[in-house]
N, C-alpha and C. Protein backbone atom coordinates (compact mmCIF):
# COMPACT_ATOMS: atom_id res chain seq x y z
N MET A 1 0.85 -1.18 0.00
CA MET A 1 0.00 0.00 0.00
C MET A 1 0.90 1.24 0.00
N LYS A 2 0.54 2.18 -0.85
CA LYS A 2 1.25 3.44 -0.93
C LYS A 2 0.55 4.46 -0.03
N PHE A 3 1.35 5.20 0.74
CA PHE A 3 0.80 6.26 1.58
C PHE A 3 1.58 7.54 1.33
N SER A 4 0.86 8.65 1.17
CA SER A 4 1.54 9.93 1.00
C SER A 4 0.78 11.02 1.74
N ARG A 5 1.53 12.06 2.10
CA ARG A 5 0.92 13.24 2.70
C ARG A 5 1.43 14.44 1.92
N VAL A 6 0.49 15.24 1.44
CA VAL A 6 0.83 16.43 0.65
C VAL A 6 0.07 17.62 1.22
N TRP A 7 0.51 18.80 0.85
CA TRP A 7 -0.19 20.01 1.25
C TRP A 7 -0.75 20.67 0.01
N ALA A 8 -1.96 21.20 0.13
CA ALA A 8 -2.58 21.94 -0.98
C ALA A 8 -3.65 22.86 -0.41
N MET A 9 -3.87 23.96 -1.11
CA MET A 9 -4.95 24.87 -0.73
C MET A 9 -6.28 24.12 -0.77
N PRO A 10 -7.17 24.40 0.18
CA PRO A 10 -8.49 23.76 0.14
C PRO A 10 -9.32 24.32 -1.01
N ASN A 11 -10.29 23.54 -1.44
CA ASN A 11 -11.20 23.98 -2.48
C ASN A 11 -12.52 23.26 -2.28
N LYS A 12 -13.59 23.98 -2.37
CA LYS A 12 -14.93 23.39 -2.27
C LYS A 12 -15.09 22.25 -3.27
N TRP A 13 -14.46 22.39 -4.42
CA TRP A 13 -14.53 21.38 -5.48
C TRP A 13 -13.31 20.48 -5.37
N THR A 14 -13.48 19.35 -4.72
CA THR A 14 -12.40 18.42 -4.40
C THR A 14 -11.49 18.13 -5.59
N PHE A 15 -12.09 17.93 -6.76
CA PHE A 15 -11.30 17.50 -7.92
C PHE A 15 -10.47 18.63 -8.51
N LYS A 16 -10.58 19.84 -7.97
CA LYS A 16 -9.76 20.98 -8.41
C LYS A 16 -8.50 21.13 -7.55
N ILE A 17 -8.38 20.36 -6.49
CA ILE A 17 -7.20 20.41 -5.63
C ILE A 17 -6.06 19.70 -6.37
N ARG A 18 -4.95 20.39 -6.57
CA ARG A 18 -3.88 19.91 -7.46
C ARG A 18 -3.41 18.48 -7.23
N PRO A 19 -3.04 18.08 -6.02
CA PRO A 19 -2.58 16.70 -5.86
C PRO A 19 -3.68 15.69 -6.17
N ILE A 20 -4.93 16.07 -5.91
CA ILE A 20 -6.06 15.18 -6.22
C ILE A 20 -6.25 15.12 -7.73
N GLN A 21 -6.09 16.25 -8.42
CA GLN A 21 -6.15 16.24 -9.89
C GLN A 21 -5.12 15.26 -10.46
N SER A 22 -3.91 15.29 -9.92
CA SER A 22 -2.84 14.40 -10.40
C SER A 22 -3.19 12.94 -10.15
N LEU A 23 -3.71 12.65 -8.97
CA LEU A 23 -4.11 11.28 -8.65
C LEU A 23 -5.21 10.80 -9.60
N LEU A 24 -6.19 11.66 -9.83
CA LEU A 24 -7.29 11.29 -10.74
C LEU A 24 -6.78 11.05 -12.15
N GLN A 25 -5.83 11.84 -12.59
CA GLN A 25 -5.26 11.65 -13.92
C GLN A 25 -4.61 10.28 -14.04
N ARG A 26 -3.91 9.86 -12.98
CA ARG A 26 -3.25 8.55 -12.98
C ARG A 26 -4.24 7.40 -13.04
N TYR A 27 -5.32 7.49 -12.29
CA TYR A 27 -6.26 6.37 -12.19
C TYR A 27 -7.44 6.46 -13.15
N VAL A 28 -7.98 7.65 -13.33
CA VAL A 28 -9.24 7.82 -14.06
C VAL A 28 -9.02 8.19 -15.52
N GLY A 29 -7.97 8.93 -15.80
CA GLY A 29 -7.71 9.39 -17.16
C GLY A 29 -8.86 10.25 -17.66
N GLN A 30 -9.44 9.87 -18.78
CA GLN A 30 -10.55 10.62 -19.38
C GLN A 30 -11.90 10.26 -18.77
N GLY A 31 -11.94 9.27 -17.91
CA GLY A 31 -13.17 8.95 -17.20
C GLY A 31 -14.07 7.94 -17.87
N ASP A 32 -13.65 7.37 -18.99
CA ASP A 32 -14.48 6.38 -19.68
C ASP A 32 -14.75 5.19 -18.76
N GLY A 33 -16.03 4.84 -18.62
CA GLY A 33 -16.42 3.71 -17.80
C GLY A 33 -16.44 3.98 -16.31
N TRP A 34 -16.32 5.24 -15.92
CA TRP A 34 -16.34 5.63 -14.51
C TRP A 34 -17.68 6.26 -14.16
N ILE A 35 -18.08 6.09 -12.89
CA ILE A 35 -19.33 6.66 -12.39
C ILE A 35 -19.05 7.57 -11.19
N ASP A 36 -19.93 8.54 -10.98
CA ASP A 36 -19.78 9.46 -9.86
C ASP A 36 -21.16 9.86 -9.36
N PRO A 37 -21.59 9.32 -8.19
CA PRO A 37 -22.92 9.62 -7.67
C PRO A 37 -23.07 11.00 -7.02
N PHE A 38 -21.94 11.68 -6.73
CA PHE A 38 -21.97 13.02 -6.10
C PHE A 38 -21.06 13.95 -6.91
N ALA A 39 -21.30 14.09 -8.18
CA ALA A 39 -20.34 14.68 -9.11
C ALA A 39 -20.08 16.18 -8.95
N GLY A 40 -21.02 16.93 -8.47
CA GLY A 40 -20.80 18.38 -8.39
C GLY A 40 -20.55 18.97 -9.76
N GLN A 41 -19.51 19.79 -9.89
CA GLN A 41 -19.28 20.50 -11.14
C GLN A 41 -18.04 20.08 -11.91
N ASN A 42 -17.16 19.26 -11.34
CA ASN A 42 -15.87 19.03 -11.98
C ASN A 42 -15.46 17.57 -12.08
N SER A 43 -16.37 16.67 -12.15
CA SER A 43 -16.02 15.25 -12.16
C SER A 43 -15.49 14.81 -13.52
N PRO A 44 -14.40 14.03 -13.51
CA PRO A 44 -13.91 13.47 -14.76
C PRO A 44 -14.66 12.20 -15.18
N ALA A 45 -15.58 11.71 -14.35
CA ALA A 45 -16.30 10.47 -14.66
C ALA A 45 -17.20 10.64 -15.89
N GLU A 46 -17.40 9.55 -16.60
CA GLU A 46 -18.27 9.55 -17.78
C GLU A 46 -19.74 9.64 -17.38
N ILE A 47 -20.12 8.92 -16.33
CA ILE A 47 -21.53 8.87 -15.92
C ILE A 47 -21.64 9.59 -14.58
N THR A 48 -22.28 10.75 -14.61
CA THR A 48 -22.30 11.63 -13.44
C THR A 48 -23.71 11.87 -12.92
N ASN A 49 -23.75 12.15 -11.63
CA ASN A 49 -25.01 12.43 -10.95
C ASN A 49 -24.76 13.44 -9.85
N ASP A 50 -25.71 14.33 -9.66
CA ASP A 50 -25.71 15.20 -8.48
C ASP A 50 -27.15 15.61 -8.25
N LEU A 51 -27.54 15.65 -7.01
CA LEU A 51 -28.91 16.01 -6.66
C LEU A 51 -29.26 17.42 -7.11
N ASN A 52 -28.27 18.29 -7.15
CA ASN A 52 -28.51 19.68 -7.53
C ASN A 52 -28.72 19.78 -9.05
N PRO A 53 -29.90 20.22 -9.48
CA PRO A 53 -30.20 20.31 -10.91
C PRO A 53 -29.43 21.41 -11.64
N ASN A 54 -28.75 22.27 -10.89
CA ASN A 54 -27.96 23.34 -11.50
C ASN A 54 -26.56 22.89 -11.90
N TYR A 55 -26.18 21.68 -11.55
CA TYR A 55 -24.85 21.18 -11.88
C TYR A 55 -24.87 20.42 -13.19
N PRO A 56 -23.77 20.48 -13.94
CA PRO A 56 -23.73 19.88 -15.28
C PRO A 56 -23.50 18.36 -15.26
N THR A 57 -24.44 17.64 -14.68
CA THR A 57 -24.33 16.18 -14.61
C THR A 57 -25.41 15.55 -15.48
N LYS A 58 -25.21 14.27 -15.81
CA LYS A 58 -26.18 13.57 -16.66
C LYS A 58 -27.46 13.25 -15.91
N HIS A 59 -27.34 13.05 -14.59
CA HIS A 59 -28.51 12.70 -13.77
C HIS A 59 -28.58 13.63 -12.57
N HIS A 60 -29.81 13.80 -12.05
CA HIS A 60 -30.04 14.64 -10.86
C HIS A 60 -30.95 13.87 -9.91
N LEU A 61 -30.40 12.82 -9.33
CA LEU A 61 -31.14 11.91 -8.47
C LEU A 61 -30.46 11.80 -7.11
N HIS A 62 -31.19 11.28 -6.12
CA HIS A 62 -30.53 10.90 -4.88
C HIS A 62 -29.52 9.82 -5.22
N ALA A 63 -28.40 9.80 -4.55
CA ALA A 63 -27.30 8.88 -4.89
C ALA A 63 -27.75 7.42 -4.90
N TYR A 64 -28.59 7.03 -3.94
CA TYR A 64 -29.05 5.64 -3.90
C TYR A 64 -29.89 5.30 -5.12
N GLU A 65 -30.78 6.20 -5.49
CA GLU A 65 -31.61 5.98 -6.68
C GLU A 65 -30.74 5.88 -7.93
N PHE A 66 -29.76 6.77 -8.04
CA PHE A 66 -28.81 6.74 -9.15
C PHE A 66 -28.10 5.39 -9.20
N ALA A 67 -27.60 4.94 -8.05
CA ALA A 67 -26.86 3.67 -7.99
C ALA A 67 -27.72 2.49 -8.43
N THR A 68 -28.98 2.47 -8.01
CA THR A 68 -29.85 1.35 -8.37
C THR A 68 -30.23 1.36 -9.84
N LEU A 69 -30.19 2.53 -10.47
CA LEU A 69 -30.54 2.63 -11.89
C LEU A 69 -29.38 2.28 -12.82
N LEU A 70 -28.16 2.24 -12.28
CA LEU A 70 -26.99 1.92 -13.11
C LEU A 70 -27.12 0.52 -13.67
N ASP A 71 -26.88 0.41 -14.95
CA ASP A 71 -27.00 -0.87 -15.63
C ASP A 71 -25.65 -1.21 -16.25
N GLY A 72 -25.08 -2.32 -15.86
CA GLY A 72 -23.81 -2.72 -16.43
C GLY A 72 -22.72 -2.85 -15.38
N VAL A 73 -21.48 -2.98 -15.88
CA VAL A 73 -20.31 -3.11 -15.04
C VAL A 73 -19.37 -1.98 -15.41
N TYR A 74 -18.75 -1.37 -14.41
CA TYR A 74 -17.97 -0.15 -14.63
C TYR A 74 -16.52 -0.32 -14.18
N LYS A 75 -15.65 0.52 -14.75
CA LYS A 75 -14.22 0.49 -14.44
C LYS A 75 -13.94 1.03 -13.04
N GLY A 76 -14.72 2.02 -12.64
CA GLY A 76 -14.44 2.62 -11.35
C GLY A 76 -15.50 3.60 -10.90
N VAL A 77 -15.36 4.01 -9.64
CA VAL A 77 -16.29 4.97 -9.04
C VAL A 77 -15.51 6.03 -8.29
N LEU A 78 -15.98 7.27 -8.40
CA LEU A 78 -15.50 8.37 -7.59
C LEU A 78 -16.57 8.61 -6.54
N PHE A 79 -16.20 8.55 -5.28
CA PHE A 79 -17.17 8.65 -4.19
C PHE A 79 -16.80 9.83 -3.30
N ASP A 80 -17.37 10.99 -3.61
CA ASP A 80 -17.05 12.24 -2.92
C ASP A 80 -18.33 12.90 -2.41
N PRO A 81 -18.98 12.26 -1.42
CA PRO A 81 -20.22 12.84 -0.89
C PRO A 81 -19.93 14.01 0.04
N PRO A 82 -20.96 14.75 0.45
CA PRO A 82 -20.74 15.74 1.51
C PRO A 82 -20.17 15.00 2.73
N TYR A 83 -19.23 15.62 3.42
CA TYR A 83 -18.50 14.93 4.48
C TYR A 83 -19.20 14.93 5.84
N ASN A 84 -20.16 15.82 6.03
CA ASN A 84 -20.90 15.85 7.29
C ASN A 84 -22.28 16.47 7.05
N LEU A 85 -23.09 16.52 8.09
CA LEU A 85 -24.46 17.04 7.95
C LEU A 85 -24.48 18.52 7.58
N SER A 86 -23.52 19.29 8.06
CA SER A 86 -23.48 20.71 7.71
C SER A 86 -23.24 20.88 6.21
N GLN A 87 -22.36 20.06 5.64
CA GLN A 87 -22.12 20.14 4.20
C GLN A 87 -23.35 19.71 3.41
N ILE A 88 -24.06 18.72 3.91
CA ILE A 88 -25.29 18.30 3.23
C ILE A 88 -26.27 19.47 3.19
N LYS A 89 -26.42 20.13 4.33
CA LYS A 89 -27.32 21.28 4.39
C LYS A 89 -26.86 22.38 3.44
N GLU A 90 -25.57 22.67 3.46
CA GLU A 90 -25.01 23.72 2.60
C GLU A 90 -25.19 23.39 1.12
N CYS A 91 -24.97 22.14 0.75
CA CYS A 91 -25.04 21.73 -0.66
C CYS A 91 -26.46 21.64 -1.20
N TYR A 92 -27.39 21.16 -0.36
CA TYR A 92 -28.68 20.78 -0.90
C TYR A 92 -29.89 21.52 -0.34
N ASP A 93 -29.74 22.27 0.74
CA ASP A 93 -30.88 22.98 1.32
C ASP A 93 -31.48 23.98 0.33
N GLY A 94 -30.67 24.68 -0.39
CA GLY A 94 -31.14 25.71 -1.30
C GLY A 94 -31.93 25.21 -2.49
N ILE A 95 -31.90 23.89 -2.72
CA ILE A 95 -32.64 23.33 -3.86
C ILE A 95 -33.87 22.57 -3.41
N GLY A 96 -34.22 22.73 -2.14
CA GLY A 96 -35.44 22.11 -1.64
C GLY A 96 -35.25 20.70 -1.14
N ALA A 97 -34.03 20.22 -1.05
CA ALA A 97 -33.80 18.87 -0.54
C ALA A 97 -34.05 18.86 0.97
N GLU A 98 -34.73 17.86 1.42
CA GLU A 98 -35.06 17.77 2.84
C GLU A 98 -33.81 17.51 3.67
N TYR A 99 -33.64 18.27 4.69
CA TYR A 99 -32.51 18.14 5.61
C TYR A 99 -33.06 17.94 7.00
N TYR A 100 -32.57 16.94 7.69
CA TYR A 100 -33.00 16.77 9.07
C TYR A 100 -31.86 16.19 9.90
N LYS A 101 -31.80 16.59 11.16
CA LYS A 101 -30.68 16.24 12.02
C LYS A 101 -30.59 14.76 12.33
N GLY A 102 -31.65 14.02 12.19
CA GLY A 102 -31.64 12.60 12.50
C GLY A 102 -31.07 11.73 11.39
N TRP A 103 -30.65 12.33 10.29
CA TRP A 103 -30.16 11.57 9.15
C TRP A 103 -28.87 10.86 9.51
N ASN A 104 -28.75 9.60 9.16
CA ASN A 104 -27.56 8.82 9.49
C ASN A 104 -26.63 8.79 8.29
N LEU A 105 -25.60 9.59 8.33
CA LEU A 105 -24.64 9.73 7.24
C LEU A 105 -24.01 8.38 6.87
N ASP A 106 -23.50 7.66 7.86
CA ASP A 106 -22.81 6.40 7.59
C ASP A 106 -23.74 5.36 6.97
N ALA A 107 -24.92 5.18 7.52
CA ALA A 107 -25.85 4.16 7.01
C ALA A 107 -26.31 4.50 5.61
N SER A 108 -26.61 5.76 5.36
CA SER A 108 -27.10 6.15 4.04
C SER A 108 -26.04 5.95 2.97
N PHE A 109 -24.81 6.36 3.23
CA PHE A 109 -23.75 6.19 2.25
C PHE A 109 -23.33 4.74 2.12
N SER A 110 -23.46 3.96 3.19
CA SER A 110 -23.16 2.53 3.12
C SER A 110 -24.08 1.82 2.14
N LYS A 111 -25.35 2.21 2.13
CA LYS A 111 -26.30 1.60 1.19
C LYS A 111 -25.92 1.91 -0.25
N VAL A 112 -25.47 3.13 -0.50
CA VAL A 112 -25.04 3.51 -1.85
C VAL A 112 -23.81 2.70 -2.23
N LYS A 113 -22.85 2.58 -1.31
CA LYS A 113 -21.64 1.79 -1.57
C LYS A 113 -21.98 0.33 -1.85
N ASP A 114 -22.92 -0.23 -1.09
CA ASP A 114 -23.31 -1.64 -1.29
C ASP A 114 -23.78 -1.88 -2.72
N VAL A 115 -24.60 -0.98 -3.23
CA VAL A 115 -25.14 -1.13 -4.59
C VAL A 115 -24.04 -0.93 -5.63
N ILE A 116 -23.27 0.13 -5.48
CA ILE A 116 -22.24 0.45 -6.48
C ILE A 116 -21.14 -0.60 -6.51
N ALA A 117 -20.73 -1.11 -5.35
CA ALA A 117 -19.64 -2.08 -5.29
C ALA A 117 -19.90 -3.29 -6.20
N LYS A 118 -21.14 -3.70 -6.27
CA LYS A 118 -21.50 -4.86 -7.10
C LYS A 118 -21.40 -4.55 -8.59
N LYS A 119 -21.31 -3.27 -8.94
CA LYS A 119 -21.30 -2.87 -10.34
C LYS A 119 -19.91 -2.46 -10.82
N ILE A 120 -18.91 -2.62 -9.98
CA ILE A 120 -17.53 -2.34 -10.36
C ILE A 120 -16.88 -3.65 -10.76
N GLU A 121 -16.22 -3.66 -11.92
CA GLU A 121 -15.59 -4.87 -12.43
C GLU A 121 -14.44 -5.31 -11.52
N GLU A 122 -14.17 -6.60 -11.54
CA GLU A 122 -13.01 -7.11 -10.81
C GLU A 122 -11.76 -6.45 -11.39
N GLY A 123 -10.91 -5.93 -10.52
CA GLY A 123 -9.74 -5.17 -10.97
C GLY A 123 -10.04 -3.68 -11.08
N GLY A 124 -11.32 -3.31 -10.97
CA GLY A 124 -11.73 -1.91 -11.04
C GLY A 124 -11.33 -1.15 -9.79
N ILE A 125 -11.56 0.15 -9.81
CA ILE A 125 -11.09 1.05 -8.76
C ILE A 125 -12.24 1.83 -8.12
N ALA A 126 -12.15 1.99 -6.80
CA ALA A 126 -13.03 2.90 -6.06
C ALA A 126 -12.13 3.95 -5.42
N ILE A 127 -12.41 5.23 -5.69
CA ILE A 127 -11.66 6.31 -5.06
C ILE A 127 -12.64 7.09 -4.19
N SER A 128 -12.38 7.06 -2.88
CA SER A 128 -13.26 7.71 -1.91
C SER A 128 -12.56 8.92 -1.30
N PHE A 129 -13.35 9.94 -1.01
CA PHE A 129 -12.84 11.19 -0.46
C PHE A 129 -13.63 11.50 0.81
N GLY A 130 -12.95 12.05 1.81
CA GLY A 130 -13.66 12.43 3.03
C GLY A 130 -12.71 12.73 4.16
N TRP A 131 -13.25 12.64 5.38
CA TRP A 131 -12.47 12.89 6.58
C TRP A 131 -12.16 11.59 7.31
N ASN A 132 -12.35 10.46 6.62
CA ASN A 132 -11.96 9.17 7.19
C ASN A 132 -11.41 8.30 6.06
N SER A 133 -10.82 7.20 6.43
CA SER A 133 -10.19 6.32 5.43
C SER A 133 -10.95 5.00 5.26
N ASN A 134 -12.24 5.03 5.50
CA ASN A 134 -13.02 3.79 5.44
C ASN A 134 -13.16 3.24 4.02
N GLY A 135 -13.35 4.08 3.04
CA GLY A 135 -13.48 3.62 1.67
C GLY A 135 -14.62 2.63 1.48
N PHE A 136 -14.46 1.72 0.53
CA PHE A 136 -15.48 0.70 0.25
C PHE A 136 -15.25 -0.54 1.10
N GLY A 137 -14.02 -0.91 1.36
CA GLY A 137 -13.70 -1.96 2.31
C GLY A 137 -13.69 -3.38 1.80
N LYS A 138 -13.05 -4.22 2.59
CA LYS A 138 -12.91 -5.65 2.28
C LYS A 138 -14.27 -6.34 2.17
N ILE A 139 -15.21 -5.91 3.00
CA ILE A 139 -16.53 -6.55 3.00
C ILE A 139 -17.21 -6.45 1.63
N ARG A 140 -16.84 -5.43 0.86
CA ARG A 140 -17.41 -5.25 -0.48
C ARG A 140 -16.45 -5.75 -1.57
N GLY A 141 -15.35 -6.39 -1.16
CA GLY A 141 -14.43 -6.99 -2.12
C GLY A 141 -13.28 -6.10 -2.56
N PHE A 142 -13.01 -5.02 -1.82
CA PHE A 142 -11.95 -4.08 -2.21
C PHE A 142 -10.75 -4.17 -1.27
N GLU A 143 -9.60 -3.82 -1.81
CA GLU A 143 -8.35 -3.80 -1.06
C GLU A 143 -7.69 -2.44 -1.28
N ILE A 144 -7.19 -1.85 -0.20
CA ILE A 144 -6.56 -0.53 -0.32
C ILE A 144 -5.26 -0.62 -1.11
N GLU A 145 -5.15 0.27 -2.08
CA GLU A 145 -3.96 0.36 -2.91
C GLU A 145 -3.14 1.61 -2.55
N GLU A 146 -3.85 2.69 -2.23
CA GLU A 146 -3.17 3.95 -1.95
C GLU A 146 -4.03 4.82 -1.04
N ILE A 147 -3.36 5.53 -0.12
CA ILE A 147 -4.02 6.54 0.70
C ILE A 147 -3.21 7.82 0.55
N MET A 148 -3.90 8.91 0.22
CA MET A 148 -3.25 10.21 0.14
C MET A 148 -3.94 11.14 1.13
N LEU A 149 -3.15 11.67 2.05
CA LEU A 149 -3.64 12.62 3.02
C LEU A 149 -3.30 14.00 2.49
N VAL A 150 -4.33 14.82 2.26
CA VAL A 150 -4.11 16.16 1.74
C VAL A 150 -4.36 17.16 2.87
N ALA A 151 -3.26 17.70 3.40
CA ALA A 151 -3.35 18.70 4.46
C ALA A 151 -3.65 20.05 3.83
N HIS A 152 -4.48 20.85 4.52
CA HIS A 152 -4.85 22.16 3.99
C HIS A 152 -4.41 23.30 4.89
N GLY A 153 -3.81 22.98 6.03
CA GLY A 153 -3.29 24.01 6.93
C GLY A 153 -4.37 24.70 7.72
N GLY A 154 -3.92 25.53 8.64
CA GLY A 154 -4.84 26.33 9.46
C GLY A 154 -5.89 25.49 10.16
N HIS A 155 -7.11 25.97 10.14
CA HIS A 155 -8.22 25.29 10.82
C HIS A 155 -8.96 24.32 9.90
N HIS A 156 -8.42 24.05 8.71
CA HIS A 156 -9.10 23.16 7.76
C HIS A 156 -8.80 21.70 8.08
N TYR A 157 -9.82 20.87 7.95
CA TYR A 157 -9.63 19.43 8.05
C TYR A 157 -8.85 18.94 6.84
N ASP A 158 -8.07 17.87 7.02
CA ASP A 158 -7.39 17.24 5.89
C ASP A 158 -8.43 16.52 5.04
N THR A 159 -8.14 16.38 3.77
CA THR A 159 -8.95 15.54 2.90
C THR A 159 -8.23 14.20 2.78
N ILE A 160 -8.93 13.12 3.04
CA ILE A 160 -8.34 11.79 2.95
C ILE A 160 -8.87 11.13 1.69
N VAL A 161 -7.94 10.69 0.85
CA VAL A 161 -8.28 10.04 -0.41
C VAL A 161 -7.86 8.57 -0.31
N VAL A 162 -8.82 7.67 -0.53
CA VAL A 162 -8.55 6.24 -0.45
C VAL A 162 -8.80 5.63 -1.82
N VAL A 163 -7.76 5.00 -2.35
CA VAL A 163 -7.86 4.31 -3.64
C VAL A 163 -7.87 2.81 -3.36
N GLU A 164 -8.92 2.13 -3.81
CA GLU A 164 -9.05 0.69 -3.58
C GLU A 164 -9.27 -0.03 -4.89
N ARG A 165 -8.74 -1.24 -4.97
CA ARG A 165 -8.93 -2.08 -6.14
C ARG A 165 -9.88 -3.22 -5.76
N LYS A 166 -10.80 -3.52 -6.66
CA LYS A 166 -11.73 -4.63 -6.43
C LYS A 166 -10.99 -5.93 -6.73
N VAL A 167 -10.85 -6.74 -5.68
CA VAL A 167 -10.09 -7.98 -5.83
C VAL A 167 -10.97 -9.21 -5.94
N LYS A 168 -12.23 -9.08 -5.55
CA LYS A 168 -13.14 -10.21 -5.71
C LYS A 168 -14.58 -9.70 -5.80
N MET A 169 -15.38 -10.47 -6.48
CA MET A 169 -16.78 -10.13 -6.60
C MET A 169 -17.51 -10.59 -5.35
N VAL A 170 -18.33 -9.73 -4.81
CA VAL A 170 -19.12 -10.04 -3.63
C VAL A 170 -20.58 -9.85 -4.01
N ARG A 171 -21.40 -10.78 -3.69
CA ARG A 171 -22.83 -10.69 -4.04
C ARG A 171 -23.64 -10.14 -2.91
């Protein structure tokens, strides 16, 4: 497993952070055969989704609904959801998305991961972003290949990037 720690200015758009751009170029390239359930505005993935209808994505669905509608097997997934409830409120409150404090971040994203993991080809890649290194995990058939810790300085949380390879199919 490769581990690195780099410093970069923070950016609301994760994929615009320079070391993350470089990592994505290495793994994703032009994005053919890649999916992104939380694409925002700058995803290199071919098949993109974001709940916000103002973003230039192919779909505007809840991530779970998007995941269940995917048909086929894919090379990889970019998994960059809002990192906490405040970010969910910030990202989606203005578009009428229901926000409530009882929402379980871990359980909701786990369900999305469960569905998507089955649709990634063996040897495919999952790249997860957040404030933890949980990724997709062994339980879904993935093995960590690389972790990049992106420090932003000051009072900013680090961004943790986990790159995992699918080593076995799990039903």
